[in-house]
Structure formats: C-alpha cells, structure tokens
PDB file of N, CA and C in Angstrom:
ATOM      1  N   MET A   1    -164.442 -11.838-188.533  1.00  0.00           N
ATOM      2  CA  MET A   1    -164.503 -13.278-188.635  1.00  0.00           C
ATOM      3  C   MET A   1    -165.449 -13.827-187.579  1.00  0.00           C
ATOM      4  N   GLY A   2    -166.013 -14.959-187.877  1.00  0.00           N
ATOM      5  CA  GLY A   2    -166.949 -15.585-186.978  1.00  0.00           C
ATOM      6  C   GLY A   2    -166.255 -16.310-185.850  1.00  0.00           C
ATOM      7  N   SER A   3    -167.037 -16.689-184.866  1.00  0.00           N
ATOM      8  CA  SER A   3    -166.469 -17.429-183.745  1.00  0.00           C
ATOM      9  C   SER A   3    -166.373 -18.907-184.095  1.00  0.00           C
ATOM     10  N   GLY A   4    -165.585 -19.620-183.353  1.00  0.00           N
ATOM     11  CA  GLY A   4    -165.405 -21.049-183.609  1.00  0.00           C
ATOM     12  C   GLY A   4    -164.179 -21.286-184.463  1.00  0.00           C
ATOM     13  N   SER A   5    -163.814 -22.537-184.599  1.00  0.00           N
ATOM     14  CA  SER A   5    -162.604 -22.866-185.347  1.00  0.00           C
ATOM     15  C   SER A   5    -162.923 -23.645-186.613  1.00  0.00           C
ATOM     16  N   SER A   6    -164.116 -23.449-187.142  1.00  0.00           N
ATOM     17  CA  SER A   6    -164.505 -24.141-188.364  1.00  0.00           C
ATOM     18  C   SER A   6    -163.683 -23.622-189.535  1.00  0.00           C
ATOM     19  N   SER A   7    -163.209 -24.518-190.362  1.00  0.00           N
ATOM     20  CA  SER A   7    -162.379 -24.132-191.500  1.00  0.00           C
ATOM     21  C   SER A   7    -163.149 -24.304-192.791  1.00  0.00           C
ATOM     22  N   ASN A   8    -163.035 -23.317-193.664  1.00  0.00           N
ATOM     23  CA  ASN A   8    -163.667 -23.388-194.975  1.00  0.00           C
ATOM     24  C   ASN A   8    -162.687 -23.857-196.036  1.00  0.00           C
ATOM     25  N   ASN A   9    -161.499 -24.241-195.632  1.00  0.00           N
ATOM     26  CA  ASN A   9    -160.465 -24.671-196.562  1.00  0.00           C
ATOM     27  C   ASN A   9    -160.624 -26.149-196.881  1.00  0.00           C
ATOM     28  N   THR A  10    -161.544 -26.472-197.771  1.00  0.00           N
ATOM     29  CA  THR A  10    -161.726 -27.863-198.163  1.00  0.00           C
ATOM     30  C   THR A  10    -160.990 -28.101-199.466  1.00  0.00           C
ATOM     31  N   LEU A  11    -160.274 -29.190-199.529  1.00  0.00           N
ATOM     32  CA  LEU A  11    -159.512 -29.518-200.720  1.00  0.00           C
ATOM     33  C   LEU A  11    -160.418 -30.088-201.795  1.00  0.00           C
ATOM     34  N   VAL A  12    -160.197 -29.651-203.014  1.00  0.00           N
ATOM     35  CA  VAL A  12    -160.965 -30.168-204.143  1.00  0.00           C
ATOM     36  C   VAL A  12    -160.587 -31.622-204.371  1.00  0.00           C
ATOM     37  N   VAL A  13    -159.304 -31.923-204.203  1.00  0.00           N
ATOM     38  CA  VAL A  13    -158.800 -33.290-204.338  1.00  0.00           C
ATOM     39  C   VAL A  13    -158.269 -33.700-202.965  1.00  0.00           C
ATOM     40  N   PRO A  14    -159.046 -34.462-202.189  1.00  0.00           N
ATOM     41  CA  PRO A  14    -158.629 -34.809-200.829  1.00  0.00           C
ATOM     42  C   PRO A  14    -157.261 -35.492-200.755  1.00  0.00           C
ATOM     43  N   GLN A  15    -156.885 -36.231-201.783  1.00  0.00           N
ATOM     44  CA  GLN A  15    -155.594 -36.915-201.783  1.00  0.00           C
ATOM     45  C   GLN A  15    -154.439 -35.915-201.843  1.00  0.00           C
ATOM     46  N   ALA A  16    -154.717 -34.676-202.195  1.00  0.00           N
ATOM     47  CA  ALA A  16    -153.676 -33.658-202.288  1.00  0.00           C
ATOM     48  C   ALA A  16    -153.120 -33.297-200.913  1.00  0.00           C
ATOM     49  N   ASN A  17    -153.873 -33.546-199.858  1.00  0.00           N
ATOM     50  CA  ASN A  17    -153.429 -33.196-198.515  1.00  0.00           C
ATOM     51  C   ASN A  17    -152.103 -33.864-198.169  1.00  0.00           C
ATOM     52  N   GLN A  18    -151.970 -35.139-198.482  1.00  0.00           N
ATOM     53  CA  GLN A  18    -150.730 -35.860-198.183  1.00  0.00           C
ATOM     54  C   GLN A  18    -149.568 -35.284-198.988  1.00  0.00           C
ATOM     55  N   ALA A  19    -149.804 -34.949-200.245  1.00  0.00           N
ATOM     56  CA  ALA A  19    -148.751 -34.374-201.087  1.00  0.00           C
ATOM     57  C   ALA A  19    -148.335 -33.002-200.556  1.00  0.00           C
ATOM     58  N   LEU A  20    -149.288 -32.196-200.100  1.00  0.00           N
ATOM     59  CA  LEU A  20    -148.964 -30.884-199.549  1.00  0.00           C
ATOM     60  C   LEU A  20    -148.181 -31.010-198.246  1.00  0.00           C
ATOM     61  N   GLU A  21    -148.554 -31.974-197.420  1.00  0.00           N
ATOM     62  CA  GLU A  21    -147.812 -32.203-196.173  1.00  0.00           C
ATOM     63  C   GLU A  21    -146.369 -32.602-196.477  1.00  0.00           C
ATOM     64  N   GLN A  22    -146.187 -33.487-197.454  1.00  0.00           N
ATOM     65  CA  GLN A  22    -144.844 -33.912-197.828  1.00  0.00           C
ATOM     66  C   GLN A  22    -144.043 -32.732-198.357  1.00  0.00           C
ATOM     67  N   LEU A  23    -144.674 -31.902-199.170  1.00  0.00           N
ATOM     68  CA  LEU A  23    -144.010 -30.725-199.716  1.00  0.00           C
ATOM     69  C   LEU A  23    -143.604 -29.777-198.594  1.00  0.00           C
ATOM     70  N   LYS A  24    -144.471 -29.622-197.595  1.00  0.00           N
ATOM     71  CA  LYS A  24    -144.166 -28.754-196.459  1.00  0.00           C
ATOM     72  C   LYS A  24    -142.911 -29.241-195.730  1.00  0.00           C
ATOM     73  N   TYR A  25    -142.833 -30.539-195.487  1.00  0.00           N
ATOM     74  CA  TYR A  25    -141.669 -31.084-194.790  1.00  0.00           C
ATOM     75  C   TYR A  25    -140.398 -30.950-195.624  1.00  0.00           C
ATOM     76  N   GLU A  26    -140.502 -31.179-196.933  1.00  0.00           N
ATOM     77  CA  GLU A  26    -139.335 -31.046-197.806  1.00  0.00           C
ATOM     78  C   GLU A  26    -138.806 -29.619-197.806  1.00  0.00           C
ATOM     79  N   ILE A  27    -139.697 -28.661-197.929  1.00  0.00           N
ATOM     80  CA  ILE A  27    -139.284 -27.262-197.977  1.00  0.00           C
ATOM     81  C   ILE A  27    -138.725 -26.827-196.635  1.00  0.00           C
ATOM     82  N   ALA A  28    -139.361 -27.225-195.545  1.00  0.00           N
ATOM     83  CA  ALA A  28    -138.851 -26.884-194.220  1.00  0.00           C
ATOM     84  C   ALA A  28    -137.440 -27.430-194.033  1.00  0.00           C
ATOM     85  N   GLN A  29    -137.209 -28.642-194.503  1.00  0.00           N
ATOM     86  CA  GLN A  29    -135.882 -29.230-194.397  1.00  0.00           C
ATOM     87  C   GLN A  29    -134.875 -28.436-195.226  1.00  0.00           C
ATOM     88  N   GLU A  30    -135.260 -28.040-196.445  1.00  0.00           N
ATOM     89  CA  GLU A  30    -134.381 -27.235-197.284  1.00  0.00           C
ATOM     90  C   GLU A  30    -134.023 -25.910-196.617  1.00  0.00           C
ATOM     91  N   LEU A  31    -134.981 -25.340-195.880  1.00  0.00           N
ATOM     92  CA  LEU A  31    -134.769 -24.062-195.211  1.00  0.00           C
ATOM     93  C   LEU A  31    -134.120 -24.211-193.839  1.00  0.00           C
ATOM     94  N   GLY A  32    -133.959 -25.453-193.374  1.00  0.00           N
ATOM     95  CA  GLY A  32    -133.367 -25.694-192.064  1.00  0.00           C
ATOM     96  C   GLY A  32    -134.311 -25.410-190.910  1.00  0.00           C
ATOM     97  N   ILE A  33    -135.618 -25.541-191.163  1.00  0.00           N
ATOM     98  CA  ILE A  33    -136.630 -25.297-190.140  1.00  0.00           C
ATOM     99  C   ILE A  33    -137.213 -26.641-189.715  1.00  0.00           C
ATOM    100  N   GLN A  34    -137.209 -26.902-188.415  1.00  0.00           N
ATOM    101  CA  GLN A  34    -137.739 -28.149-187.878  1.00  0.00           C
ATOM    102  C   GLN A  34    -139.241 -28.024-187.691  1.00  0.00           C
ATOM    103  N   ILE A  35    -140.012 -28.902-188.309  1.00  0.00           N
ATOM    104  CA  ILE A  35    -141.469 -28.911-188.169  1.00  0.00           C
ATOM    105  C   ILE A  35    -141.811 -29.562-186.824  1.00  0.00           C
ATOM    106  N   PRO A  36    -142.679 -28.926-186.012  1.00  0.00           N
ATOM    107  CA  PRO A  36    -143.033 -29.524-184.714  1.00  0.00           C
ATOM    108  C   PRO A  36    -143.842 -30.809-184.898  1.00  0.00           C
ATOM    109  N   GLN A  37    -143.504 -31.824-184.143  1.00  0.00           N
ATOM    110  CA  GLN A  37    -144.190 -33.113-184.238  1.00  0.00           C
ATOM    111  C   GLN A  37    -145.641 -33.032-183.772  1.00  0.00           C
ATOM    112  N   ASP A  38    -145.904 -32.134-182.829  1.00  0.00           N
ATOM    113  CA  ASP A  38    -147.270 -32.024-182.311  1.00  0.00           C
ATOM    114  C   ASP A  38    -148.156 -31.094-183.134  1.00  0.00           C
ATOM    115  N   GLY A  39    -147.567 -30.452-184.158  1.00  0.00           N
ATOM    116  CA  GLY A  39    -148.349 -29.581-185.031  1.00  0.00           C
ATOM    117  C   GLY A  39    -148.570 -28.186-184.481  1.00  0.00           C
ATOM    118  N   TYR A  40    -148.015 -27.865-183.304  1.00  0.00           N
ATOM    119  CA  TYR A  40    -148.184 -26.551-182.697  1.00  0.00           C
ATOM    120  C   TYR A  40    -147.069 -25.629-183.155  1.00  0.00           C
ATOM    121  N   TYR A  41    -147.444 -24.552-183.838  1.00  0.00           N
ATOM    122  CA  TYR A  41    -146.464 -23.615-184.385  1.00  0.00           C
ATOM    123  C   TYR A  41    -146.339 -22.346-183.541  1.00  0.00           C
ATOM    124  N   GLY A  42    -146.955 -22.309-182.370  1.00  0.00           N
ATOM    125  CA  GLY A  42    -146.962 -21.111-181.533  1.00  0.00           C
ATOM    126  C   GLY A  42    -145.592 -20.642-181.098  1.00  0.00           C
ATOM    127  N   ASN A  43    -144.624 -21.533-181.055  1.00  0.00           N
ATOM    128  CA  ASN A  43    -143.275 -21.159-180.633  1.00  0.00           C
ATOM    129  C   ASN A  43    -142.372 -20.789-181.809  1.00  0.00           C
ATOM    130  N   TYR A  44    -142.935 -20.741-183.004  1.00  0.00           N
ATOM    131  CA  TYR A  44    -142.147 -20.448-184.205  1.00  0.00           C
ATOM    132  C   TYR A  44    -142.347 -19.003-184.622  1.00  0.00           C
ATOM    133  N   ALA A  45    -141.305 -18.424-185.180  1.00  0.00           N
ATOM    134  CA  ALA A  45    -141.391 -17.058-185.673  1.00  0.00           C
ATOM    135  C   ALA A  45    -142.263 -17.030-186.925  1.00  0.00           C
ATOM    136  N   THR A  46    -143.026 -15.963-187.063  1.00  0.00           N
ATOM    137  CA  THR A  46    -143.869 -15.793-188.234  1.00  0.00           C
ATOM    138  C   THR A  46    -143.028 -15.834-189.500  1.00  0.00           C
ATOM    139  N   ARG A  47    -141.820 -15.320-189.415  1.00  0.00           N
ATOM    140  CA  ARG A  47    -140.915 -15.318-190.564  1.00  0.00           C
ATOM    141  C   ARG A  47    -140.653 -16.742-191.050  1.00  0.00           C
ATOM    142  N   ASP A  48    -140.461 -17.673-190.117  1.00  0.00           N
ATOM    143  CA  ASP A  48    -140.178 -19.064-190.496  1.00  0.00           C
ATOM    144  C   ASP A  48    -141.386 -19.742-191.129  1.00  0.00           C
ATOM    145  N   THR A  49    -142.547 -19.617-190.492  1.00  0.00           N
ATOM    146  CA  THR A  49    -143.734 -20.258-191.048  1.00  0.00           C
ATOM    147  C   THR A  49    -144.147 -19.601-192.358  1.00  0.00           C
ATOM    148  N   GLY A  50    -143.954 -18.284-192.454  1.00  0.00           N
ATOM    149  CA  GLY A  50    -144.253 -17.580-193.698  1.00  0.00           C
ATOM    150  C   GLY A  50    -143.318 -17.989-194.819  1.00  0.00           C
ATOM    151  N   ALA A  51    -142.060 -18.241-194.479  1.00  0.00           N
ATOM    152  CA  ALA A  51    -141.091 -18.683-195.486  1.00  0.00           C
ATOM    153  C   ALA A  51    -141.490 -20.040-196.050  1.00  0.00           C
ATOM    154  N   ILE A  52    -141.944 -20.929-195.182  1.00  0.00           N
ATOM    155  CA  ILE A  52    -142.383 -22.243-195.646  1.00  0.00           C
ATOM    156  C   ILE A  52    -143.573 -22.080-196.590  1.00  0.00           C
ATOM    157  N   GLY A  53    -144.564 -21.296-196.183  1.00  0.00           N
ATOM    158  CA  GLY A  53    -145.745 -21.078-197.017  1.00  0.00           C
ATOM    159  C   GLY A  53    -145.401 -20.410-198.341  1.00  0.00           C
ATOM    160  N   GLY A  54    -144.503 -19.445-198.304  1.00  0.00           N
ATOM    161  CA  GLY A  54    -144.099 -18.764-199.536  1.00  0.00           C
ATOM    162  C   GLY A  54    -143.399 -19.690-200.508  1.00  0.00           C
ATOM    163  N   HIS A  55    -142.522 -20.537-199.979  1.00  0.00           N
ATOM    164  CA  HIS A  55    -141.823 -21.490-200.838  1.00  0.00           C
ATOM    165  C   HIS A  55    -142.775 -22.549-201.401  1.00  0.00           C
ATOM    166  N   ILE A  56    -143.756 -22.959-200.598  1.00  0.00           N
ATOM    167  CA  ILE A  56    -144.757 -23.907-201.093  1.00  0.00           C
ATOM    168  C   ILE A  56    -145.505 -23.280-202.267  1.00  0.00           C
ATOM    169  N   THR A  57    -145.917 -22.025-202.103  1.00  0.00           N
ATOM    170  CA  THR A  57    -146.642 -21.333-203.175  1.00  0.00           C
ATOM    171  C   THR A  57    -145.803 -21.233-204.436  1.00  0.00           C
ATOM    172  N   ARG A  58    -144.537 -20.843-204.285  1.00  0.00           N
ATOM    173  CA  ARG A  58    -143.645 -20.759-205.458  1.00  0.00           C
ATOM    174  C   ARG A  58    -143.522 -22.105-206.159  1.00  0.00           C
ATOM    175  N   ARG A  59    -143.346 -23.156-205.375  1.00  0.00           N
ATOM    176  CA  ARG A  59    -143.185 -24.491-205.945  1.00  0.00           C
ATOM    177  C   ARG A  59    -144.452 -24.918-206.680  1.00  0.00           C
ATOM    178  N   LEU A  60    -145.628 -24.641-206.099  1.00  0.00           N
ATOM    179  CA  LEU A  60    -146.885 -25.010-206.745  1.00  0.00           C
ATOM    180  C   LEU A  60    -147.095 -24.229-208.041  1.00  0.00           C
ATOM    181  N   VAL A  61    -146.697 -22.951-208.051  1.00  0.00           N
ATOM    182  CA  VAL A  61    -146.797 -22.157-209.274  1.00  0.00           C
ATOM    183  C   VAL A  61    -145.875 -22.720-210.343  1.00  0.00           C
ATOM    184  N   GLU A  62    -144.653 -23.099-209.964  1.00  0.00           N
ATOM    185  CA  GLU A  62    -143.719 -23.703-210.927  1.00  0.00           C
ATOM    186  C   GLU A  62    -144.299 -24.984-211.519  1.00  0.00           C
ATOM    187  N   ILE A  63    -144.884 -25.825-210.672  1.00  0.00           N
ATOM    188  CA  ILE A  63    -145.486 -27.073-211.138  1.00  0.00           C
ATOM    189  C   ILE A  63    -146.619 -26.779-212.110  1.00  0.00           C
ATOM    190  N   ALA A  64    -147.464 -25.801-211.773  1.00  0.00           N
ATOM    191  CA  ALA A  64    -148.583 -25.449-212.649  1.00  0.00           C
ATOM    192  C   ALA A  64    -148.087 -24.896-213.979  1.00  0.00           C
ATOM    193  N   GLU A  65    -147.055 -24.051-213.940  1.00  0.00           N
ATOM    194  CA  GLU A  65    -146.504 -23.490-215.176  1.00  0.00           C
ATOM    195  C   GLU A  65    -145.935 -24.589-216.069  1.00  0.00           C
ATOM    196  N   GLN A  66    -145.251 -25.538-215.469  1.00  0.00           N
ATOM    197  CA  GLN A  66    -144.694 -26.651-216.244  1.00  0.00           C
ATOM    198  C   GLN A  66    -145.806 -27.494-216.845  1.00  0.00           C
ATOM    199  N   SER A  67    -146.872 -27.693-216.079  1.00  0.00           N
ATOM    200  CA  SER A  67    -147.997 -28.476-216.570  1.00  0.00           C
ATOM    201  C   SER A  67    -148.675 -27.780-217.743  1.00  0.00           C
ATOM    202  N   ILE A  68    -148.880 -26.483-217.613  1.00  0.00           N
ATOM    203  CA  ILE A  68    -149.522 -25.719-218.687  1.00  0.00           C
ATOM    204  C   ILE A  68    -148.628 -25.694-219.927  1.00  0.00           C
ATOM    205  N   ALA A  69    -147.344 -25.489-219.723  1.00  0.00           N
ATOM    206  CA  ALA A  69    -146.415 -25.474-220.855  1.00  0.00           C
ATOM    207  C   ALA A  69    -146.422 -26.822-221.566  1.00  0.00           C
ATOM    208  N   GLY A  70    -146.533 -27.902-220.809  1.00  0.00           N
ATOM    209  CA  GLY A  70    -146.579 -29.242-221.404  1.00  0.00           C
ATOM    210  C   GLY A  70    -147.857 -29.470-222.188  1.00  0.00           C
ATOM    211  N   GLN A  71    -148.964 -28.902-221.705  1.00  0.00           N
ATOM    212  CA  GLN A  71    -150.244 -29.083-222.406  1.00  0.00           C
ATOM    213  C   GLN A  71    -150.263 -28.355-223.743  1.00  0.00           C
ATOM    214  N   PHE A  72    -149.574 -27.234-223.807  1.00  0.00           N
ATOM    215  CA  PHE A  72    -149.583 -26.444-225.027  1.00  0.00           C
ATOM    216  C   PHE A  72    -148.305 -26.619-225.836  1.00  0.00           C
ATOM    217  N   GLY A  73    -147.554 -27.637-225.510  1.00  0.00           N
ATOM    218  CA  GLY A  73    -146.344 -27.942-226.264  1.00  0.00           C
ATOM    219  C   GLY A  73    -145.234 -26.933-226.098  1.00  0.00           C
ATOM    220  N   GLY A  74    -145.312 -26.129-225.009  1.00  0.00           N
ATOM    221  CA  GLY A  74    -144.274 -25.160-224.736  1.00  0.00           C
ATOM    222  C   GLY A  74    -144.270 -23.973-225.681  1.00  0.00           C
ATOM    223  N   GLN A  75    -145.305 -23.841-226.505  1.00  0.00           N
ATOM    224  CA  GLN A  75    -145.372 -22.742-227.463  1.00  0.00           C
ATOM    225  C   GLN A  75    -145.997 -21.524-226.795  1.00  0.00           C
ATOM    226  N   SER A  76    -145.413 -20.358-227.070  1.00  0.00           N
ATOM    227  CA  SER A  76    -145.996 -19.130-226.559  1.00  0.00           C
ATOM    228  C   SER A  76    -146.909 -18.522-227.615  1.00  0.00           C
ATOM    229  N   ARG A  77    -147.844 -17.720-227.180  1.00  0.00           N
ATOM    230  CA  ARG A  77    -148.814 -17.118-228.101  1.00  0.00           C
ATOM    231  C   ARG A  77    -148.276 -15.907-228.747  1.00  0.00           C
TER     232      ARG A  77
END
C-alpha cells in the first residue's frame, strides 16, 4: 500500500453516507456496542468492529435482494 491516508472509497451516491452512518449506529445498538463519539476505534476489539461491519453487509444484501425480488415480481427463473 502507498503512503499517506488518502482514501479511494468514494460513494457513488454521496447521500448514502448519512444512511450508512445511521445503519452503523442502529446495528451497534442492536449488538450492544457503544460507538465512540470521537470516531476513534483504537480501543475497540476487532471482533466488535468486525461484527458491526458484517451485520451492515448482511443488512445491505437483504435490502438488495428485496429490491431485486420486487423488480422481478418475486418470480424465480
């Protein structure tokens, strides 16, 4: 990896950032994990932050599956 802290993670839909942040807080609350107010996760176990990310991914996949099923009328091929 290169030096510096430049991020290549640009959102296709910038408004999605707020929705993802809200989802992160909701999932953390469901898991009983307190999100740090200052945004520093250095004192958190990898297991906790990974659990939040994993649940976010599962939730996004569920949303996408529901959206696709709705577009095709729920019919399977």
